[in-house]
Amino acid sequence: MSSVLAVAVVKSAGIGVGTMLGSLLGLGLRKRRGKTEGLLAGSVVLTAVLAGALALGVSVLLRLSGVF
């Protein structure tokens, strides 16, 4: 991994973790109320991890392109 990519990943890690935790909380409450549509394989954890990974990836791409 190049040093520029490594720096971008480290700077974007908070966005990925925050998105995952927020999704975990929100989707957990939603599933508790019985609304399970939109969950991957019916799993709150899997859906939240995927959302966090996607947010991390987008953030890294935006940092590397110079948007922020």
PDB file of N, CA and C in Angstrom:
ATOM      1  N   MET A   1       0.860  -1.173   0.000  1.00  0.00           N
ATOM      2  CA  MET A   1       0.000   0.000   0.000  1.00  0.00           C
ATOM      3  C   MET A   1       0.901   1.229   0.000  1.00  0.00           C
ATOM      4  N   SER A   2       0.644   2.137  -0.912  1.00  0.00           N
ATOM      5  CA  SER A   2       1.472   3.337  -0.973  1.00  0.00           C
ATOM      6  C   SER A   2       1.187   4.230   0.233  1.00  0.00           C
ATOM      7  N   SER A   3       2.121   5.085   0.539  1.00  0.00           N
ATOM      8  CA  SER A   3       1.961   5.933   1.723  1.00  0.00           C
ATOM      9  C   SER A   3       0.816   6.924   1.562  1.00  0.00           C
ATOM     10  N   VAL A   4       0.572   7.393   0.340  1.00  0.00           N
ATOM     11  CA  VAL A   4      -0.540   8.323   0.112  1.00  0.00           C
ATOM     12  C   VAL A   4      -1.869   7.622   0.373  1.00  0.00           C
ATOM     13  N   LEU A   5      -1.997   6.404  -0.110  1.00  0.00           N
ATOM     14  CA  LEU A   5      -3.217   5.630   0.114  1.00  0.00           C
ATOM     15  C   LEU A   5      -3.400   5.323   1.594  1.00  0.00           C
ATOM     16  N   ALA A   6      -2.305   4.973   2.263  1.00  0.00           N
ATOM     17  CA  ALA A   6      -2.377   4.658   3.694  1.00  0.00           C
ATOM     18  C   ALA A   6      -2.844   5.865   4.500  1.00  0.00           C
ATOM     19  N   VAL A   7      -2.343   7.031   4.171  1.00  0.00           N
ATOM     20  CA  VAL A   7      -2.759   8.260   4.871  1.00  0.00           C
ATOM     21  C   VAL A   7      -4.230   8.537   4.614  1.00  0.00           C
ATOM     22  N   ALA A   8      -4.681   8.343   3.387  1.00  0.00           N
ATOM     23  CA  ALA A   8      -6.087   8.577   3.055  1.00  0.00           C
ATOM     24  C   ALA A   8      -6.995   7.609   3.815  1.00  0.00           C
ATOM     25  N   VAL A   9      -6.574   6.360   3.947  1.00  0.00           N
ATOM     26  CA  VAL A   9      -7.376   5.375   4.678  1.00  0.00           C
ATOM     27  C   VAL A   9      -7.438   5.726   6.162  1.00  0.00           C
ATOM     28  N   VAL A  10      -6.309   6.121   6.741  1.00  0.00           N
ATOM     29  CA  VAL A  10      -6.287   6.470   8.164  1.00  0.00           C
ATOM     30  C   VAL A  10      -7.145   7.705   8.431  1.00  0.00           C
ATOM     31  N   LYS A  11      -7.061   8.702   7.550  1.00  0.00           N
ATOM     32  CA  LYS A  11      -7.860   9.919   7.738  1.00  0.00           C
ATOM     33  C   LYS A  11      -9.358   9.655   7.553  1.00  0.00           C
ATOM     34  N   SER A  12      -9.702   8.633   6.778  1.00  0.00           N
ATOM     35  CA  SER A  12     -11.101   8.329   6.497  1.00  0.00           C
ATOM     36  C   SER A  12     -11.690   7.282   7.440  1.00  0.00           C
ATOM     37  N   ALA A  13     -10.878   6.708   8.296  1.00  0.00           N
ATOM     38  CA  ALA A  13     -11.339   5.614   9.156  1.00  0.00           C
ATOM     39  C   ALA A  13     -12.492   6.047  10.065  1.00  0.00           C
ATOM     40  N   GLY A  14     -12.433   7.248  10.579  1.00  0.00           N
ATOM     41  CA  GLY A  14     -13.500   7.729  11.460  1.00  0.00           C
ATOM     42  C   GLY A  14     -14.847   7.793  10.770  1.00  0.00           C
ATOM     43  N   ILE A  15     -14.842   8.147   9.503  1.00  0.00           N
ATOM     44  CA  ILE A  15     -16.090   8.206   8.735  1.00  0.00           C
ATOM     45  C   ILE A  15     -16.684   6.809   8.602  1.00  0.00           C
ATOM     46  N   GLY A  16     -15.839   5.828   8.295  1.00  0.00           N
ATOM     47  CA  GLY A  16     -16.312   4.449   8.156  1.00  0.00           C
ATOM     48  C   GLY A  16     -16.839   3.881   9.457  1.00  0.00           C
ATOM     49  N   VAL A  17     -16.104   4.101  10.547  1.00  0.00           N
ATOM     50  CA  VAL A  17     -16.526   3.584  11.855  1.00  0.00           C
ATOM     51  C   VAL A  17     -17.800   4.282  12.321  1.00  0.00           C
ATOM     52  N   GLY A  18     -17.861   5.585  12.142  1.00  0.00           N
ATOM     53  CA  GLY A  18     -19.054   6.331  12.552  1.00  0.00           C
ATOM     54  C   GLY A  18     -20.297   5.907  11.787  1.00  0.00           C
ATOM     55  N   THR A  19     -20.138   5.693  10.494  1.00  0.00           N
ATOM     56  CA  THR A  19     -21.261   5.232   9.679  1.00  0.00           C
ATOM     57  C   THR A  19     -21.706   3.846  10.111  1.00  0.00           C
ATOM     58  N   MET A  20     -20.740   2.960  10.389  1.00  0.00           N
ATOM     59  CA  MET A  20     -21.091   1.612  10.829  1.00  0.00           C
ATOM     60  C   MET A  20     -21.842   1.633  12.160  1.00  0.00           C
ATOM     61  N   LEU A  21     -21.332   2.405  13.122  1.00  0.00           N
ATOM     62  CA  LEU A  21     -21.993   2.457  14.432  1.00  0.00           C
ATOM     63  C   LEU A  21     -23.374   3.091  14.348  1.00  0.00           C
ATOM     64  N   GLY A  22     -23.490   4.160  13.574  1.00  0.00           N
ATOM     65  CA  GLY A  22     -24.799   4.796  13.398  1.00  0.00           C
ATOM     66  C   GLY A  22     -25.792   3.880  12.720  1.00  0.00           C
ATOM     67  N   SER A  23     -25.323   3.164  11.703  1.00  0.00           N
ATOM     68  CA  SER A  23     -26.191   2.205  11.007  1.00  0.00           C
ATOM     69  C   SER A  23     -26.585   1.060  11.927  1.00  0.00           C
ATOM     70  N   LEU A  24     -25.630   0.597  12.715  1.00  0.00           N
ATOM     71  CA  LEU A  24     -25.903  -0.491  13.651  1.00  0.00           C
ATOM     72  C   LEU A  24     -26.999  -0.091  14.636  1.00  0.00           C
ATOM     73  N   LEU A  25     -26.899   1.099  15.158  1.00  0.00           N
ATOM     74  CA  LEU A  25     -27.901   1.589  16.106  1.00  0.00           C
ATOM     75  C   LEU A  25     -29.256   1.783  15.428  1.00  0.00           C
ATOM     76  N   GLY A  26     -29.255   2.487  14.319  1.00  0.00           N
ATOM     77  CA  GLY A  26     -30.516   2.768  13.623  1.00  0.00           C
ATOM     78  C   GLY A  26     -31.199   1.530  13.085  1.00  0.00           C
ATOM     79  N   LEU A  27     -30.426   0.659  12.457  1.00  0.00           N
ATOM     80  CA  LEU A  27     -31.015  -0.559  11.901  1.00  0.00           C
ATOM     81  C   LEU A  27     -31.453  -1.526  12.996  1.00  0.00           C
ATOM     82  N   GLY A  28     -30.720  -1.527  14.117  1.00  0.00           N
ATOM     83  CA  GLY A  28     -31.123  -2.376  15.241  1.00  0.00           C
ATOM     84  C   GLY A  28     -32.468  -1.962  15.801  1.00  0.00           C
ATOM     85  N   LEU A  29     -32.660  -0.650  15.943  1.00  0.00           N
ATOM     86  CA  LEU A  29     -33.955  -0.156  16.424  1.00  0.00           C
ATOM     87  C   LEU A  29     -35.065  -0.457  15.421  1.00  0.00           C
ATOM     88  N   ARG A  30     -34.724  -0.316  14.151  1.00  0.00           N
ATOM     89  CA  ARG A  30     -35.713  -0.575  13.105  1.00  0.00           C
ATOM     90  C   ARG A  30     -36.122  -2.052  13.090  1.00  0.00           C
ATOM     91  N   LYS A  31     -35.147  -2.945  13.226  1.00  0.00           N
ATOM     92  CA  LYS A  31     -35.466  -4.380  13.223  1.00  0.00           C
ATOM     93  C   LYS A  31     -36.286  -4.752  14.448  1.00  0.00           C
ATOM     94  N   ARG A  32     -35.997  -4.111  15.568  1.00  0.00           N
ATOM     95  CA  ARG A  32     -36.742  -4.389  16.794  1.00  0.00           C
ATOM     96  C   ARG A  32     -38.231  -4.058  16.624  1.00  0.00           C
ATOM     97  N   ARG A  33     -38.516  -3.063  15.792  1.00  0.00           N
ATOM     98  CA  ARG A  33     -39.911  -2.686  15.521  1.00  0.00           C
ATOM     99  C   ARG A  33     -40.566  -3.579  14.476  1.00  0.00           C
ATOM    100  N   GLY A  34     -39.790  -4.490  13.884  1.00  0.00           N
ATOM    101  CA  GLY A  34     -40.351  -5.453  12.942  1.00  0.00           C
ATOM    102  C   GLY A  34     -40.171  -5.097  11.484  1.00  0.00           C
ATOM    103  N   LYS A  35     -39.450  -4.026  11.191  1.00  0.00           N
ATOM    104  CA  LYS A  35     -39.238  -3.621   9.799  1.00  0.00           C
ATOM    105  C   LYS A  35     -37.886  -4.141   9.331  1.00  0.00           C
ATOM    106  N   THR A  36     -37.894  -5.288   8.671  1.00  0.00           N
ATOM    107  CA  THR A  36     -36.642  -5.927   8.273  1.00  0.00           C
ATOM    108  C   THR A  36     -36.332  -5.768   6.793  1.00  0.00           C
ATOM    109  N   GLU A  37     -37.197  -5.117   6.016  1.00  0.00           N
ATOM    110  CA  GLU A  37     -36.895  -4.952   4.593  1.00  0.00           C
ATOM    111  C   GLU A  37     -35.693  -4.015   4.438  1.00  0.00           C
ATOM    112  N   GLY A  38     -34.856  -4.349   3.475  1.00  0.00           N
ATOM    113  CA  GLY A  38     -33.666  -3.562   3.235  1.00  0.00           C
ATOM    114  C   GLY A  38     -32.426  -4.089   3.934  1.00  0.00           C
ATOM    115  N   LEU A  39     -32.573  -5.086   4.789  1.00  0.00           N
ATOM    116  CA  LEU A  39     -31.411  -5.678   5.455  1.00  0.00           C
ATOM    117  C   LEU A  39     -30.822  -6.774   4.577  1.00  0.00           C
ATOM    118  N   LEU A  40     -29.513  -6.848   4.534  1.00  0.00           N
ATOM    119  CA  LEU A  40     -28.857  -7.900   3.762  1.00  0.00           C
ATOM    120  C   LEU A  40     -28.926  -9.208   4.542  1.00  0.00           C
ATOM    121  N   ALA A  41     -29.534 -10.203   3.960  1.00  0.00           N
ATOM    122  CA  ALA A  41     -29.693 -11.525   4.569  1.00  0.00           C
ATOM    123  C   ALA A  41     -30.365 -11.431   5.939  1.00  0.00           C
ATOM    124  N   GLY A  42     -31.166 -10.395   6.152  1.00  0.00           N
ATOM    125  CA  GLY A  42     -31.864 -10.222   7.423  1.00  0.00           C
ATOM    126  C   GLY A  42     -30.950  -9.862   8.579  1.00  0.00           C
ATOM    127  N   SER A  43     -29.722  -9.443   8.295  1.00  0.00           N
ATOM    128  CA  SER A  43     -28.721  -9.200   9.330  1.00  0.00           C
ATOM    129  C   SER A  43     -28.428  -7.710   9.480  1.00  0.00           C
ATOM    130  N   VAL A  44     -28.626  -7.213  10.695  1.00  0.00           N
ATOM    131  CA  VAL A  44     -28.309  -5.825  11.001  1.00  0.00           C
ATOM    132  C   VAL A  44     -26.801  -5.613  10.953  1.00  0.00           C
ATOM    133  N   VAL A  45     -26.042  -6.534  11.525  1.00  0.00           N
ATOM    134  CA  VAL A  45     -24.582  -6.391  11.592  1.00  0.00           C
ATOM    135  C   VAL A  45     -23.973  -6.391  10.193  1.00  0.00           C
ATOM    136  N   LEU A  46     -24.379  -7.320   9.350  1.00  0.00           N
ATOM    137  CA  LEU A  46     -23.850  -7.396   7.988  1.00  0.00           C
ATOM    138  C   LEU A  46     -24.156  -6.115   7.217  1.00  0.00           C
ATOM    139  N   THR A  47     -25.368  -5.626   7.329  1.00  0.00           N
ATOM    140  CA  THR A  47     -25.760  -4.402   6.633  1.00  0.00           C
ATOM    141  C   THR A  47     -24.976  -3.194   7.148  1.00  0.00           C
ATOM    142  N   ALA A  48     -24.779  -3.109   8.462  1.00  0.00           N
ATOM    143  CA  ALA A  48     -24.047  -1.985   9.040  1.00  0.00           C
ATOM    144  C   ALA A  48     -22.570  -2.027   8.646  1.00  0.00           C
ATOM    145  N   VAL A  49     -21.968  -3.208   8.635  1.00  0.00           N
ATOM    146  CA  VAL A  49     -20.565  -3.330   8.238  1.00  0.00           C
ATOM    147  C   VAL A  49     -20.392  -2.945   6.774  1.00  0.00           C
ATOM    148  N   LEU A  50     -21.305  -3.372   5.928  1.00  0.00           N
ATOM    149  CA  LEU A  50     -21.230  -3.025   4.517  1.00  0.00           C
ATOM    150  C   LEU A  50     -21.394  -1.515   4.318  1.00  0.00           C
ATOM    151  N   ALA A  51     -22.308  -0.901   5.051  1.00  0.00           N
ATOM    152  CA  ALA A  51     -22.495   0.552   4.955  1.00  0.00           C
ATOM    153  C   ALA A  51     -21.229   1.288   5.396  1.00  0.00           C
ATOM    154  N   GLY A  52     -20.596   0.824   6.457  1.00  0.00           N
ATOM    155  CA  GLY A  52     -19.355   1.429   6.928  1.00  0.00           C
ATOM    156  C   GLY A  52     -18.228   1.279   5.924  1.00  0.00           C
ATOM    157  N   ALA A  53     -18.113   0.103   5.327  1.00  0.00           N
ATOM    158  CA  ALA A  53     -17.068  -0.148   4.334  1.00  0.00           C
ATOM    159  C   ALA A  53     -17.289   0.712   3.089  1.00  0.00           C
ATOM    160  N   LEU A  54     -18.530   0.850   2.685  1.00  0.00           N
ATOM    161  CA  LEU A  54     -18.850   1.682   1.531  1.00  0.00           C
ATOM    162  C   LEU A  54     -18.527   3.147   1.816  1.00  0.00           C
ATOM    163  N   ALA A  55     -18.869   3.618   3.010  1.00  0.00           N
ATOM    164  CA  ALA A  55     -18.560   5.003   3.382  1.00  0.00           C
ATOM    165  C   ALA A  55     -17.055   5.225   3.434  1.00  0.00           C
ATOM    166  N   LEU A  56     -16.317   4.260   3.957  1.00  0.00           N
ATOM    167  CA  LEU A  56     -14.863   4.355   3.999  1.00  0.00           C
ATOM    168  C   LEU A  56     -14.292   4.431   2.585  1.00  0.00           C
ATOM    169  N   GLY A  57     -14.756   3.572   1.718  1.00  0.00           N
ATOM    170  CA  GLY A  57     -14.270   3.559   0.336  1.00  0.00           C
ATOM    171  C   GLY A  57     -14.536   4.855  -0.404  1.00  0.00           C
ATOM    172  N   VAL A  58     -15.737   5.375  -0.253  1.00  0.00           N
ATOM    173  CA  VAL A  58     -16.085   6.639  -0.910  1.00  0.00           C
ATOM    174  C   VAL A  58     -15.240   7.775  -0.352  1.00  0.00           C
ATOM    175  N   SER A  59     -15.056   7.789   0.947  1.00  0.00           N
ATOM    176  CA  SER A  59     -14.253   8.834   1.588  1.00  0.00           C
ATOM    177  C   SER A  59     -12.802   8.788   1.105  1.00  0.00           C
ATOM    178  N   VAL A  60     -12.239   7.599   1.004  1.00  0.00           N
ATOM    179  CA  VAL A  60     -10.865   7.456   0.523  1.00  0.00           C
ATOM    180  C   VAL A  60     -10.755   7.956  -0.922  1.00  0.00           C
ATOM    181  N   LEU A  61     -11.705   7.570  -1.760  1.00  0.00           N
ATOM    182  CA  LEU A  61     -11.683   8.024  -3.146  1.00  0.00           C
ATOM    183  C   LEU A  61     -11.789   9.548  -3.243  1.00  0.00           C
ATOM    184  N   LEU A  62     -12.647  10.134  -2.433  1.00  0.00           N
ATOM    185  CA  LEU A  62     -12.784  11.596  -2.446  1.00  0.00           C
ATOM    186  C   LEU A  62     -11.507  12.277  -1.952  1.00  0.00           C
ATOM    187  N   ARG A  63     -10.874  11.715  -0.947  1.00  0.00           N
ATOM    188  CA  ARG A  63      -9.604  12.288  -0.451  1.00  0.00           C
ATOM    189  C   ARG A  63      -8.510  12.176  -1.515  1.00  0.00           C
ATOM    190  N   LEU A  64      -8.437  11.040  -2.179  1.00  0.00           N
ATOM    191  CA  LEU A  64      -7.404  10.858  -3.200  1.00  0.00           C
ATOM    192  C   LEU A  64      -7.634  11.743  -4.422  1.00  0.00           C
ATOM    193  N   SER A  65      -8.895  12.051  -4.698  1.00  0.00           N
ATOM    194  CA  SER A  65      -9.190  12.911  -5.858  1.00  0.00           C
ATOM    195  C   SER A  65      -9.049  14.396  -5.519  1.00  0.00           C
ATOM    196  N   GLY A  66      -8.862  14.697  -4.233  1.00  0.00           N
ATOM    197  CA  GLY A  66      -8.630  16.089  -3.838  1.00  0.00           C
ATOM    198  C   GLY A  66      -9.877  16.861  -3.500  1.00  0.00           C
ATOM    199  N   VAL A  67     -11.015  16.192  -3.380  1.00  0.00           N
ATOM    200  CA  VAL A  67     -12.249  16.891  -3.038  1.00  0.00           C
ATOM    201  C   VAL A  67     -12.195  17.425  -1.619  1.00  0.00           C
ATOM    202  N   PHE A  68     -11.663  16.616  -0.699  1.00  0.00           N
ATOM    203  CA  PHE A  68     -11.420  17.098   0.667  1.00  0.00           C
ATOM    204  C   PHE A  68     -10.239  16.419   1.298  1.00  0.00           C
TER     205      PHE A  68
END
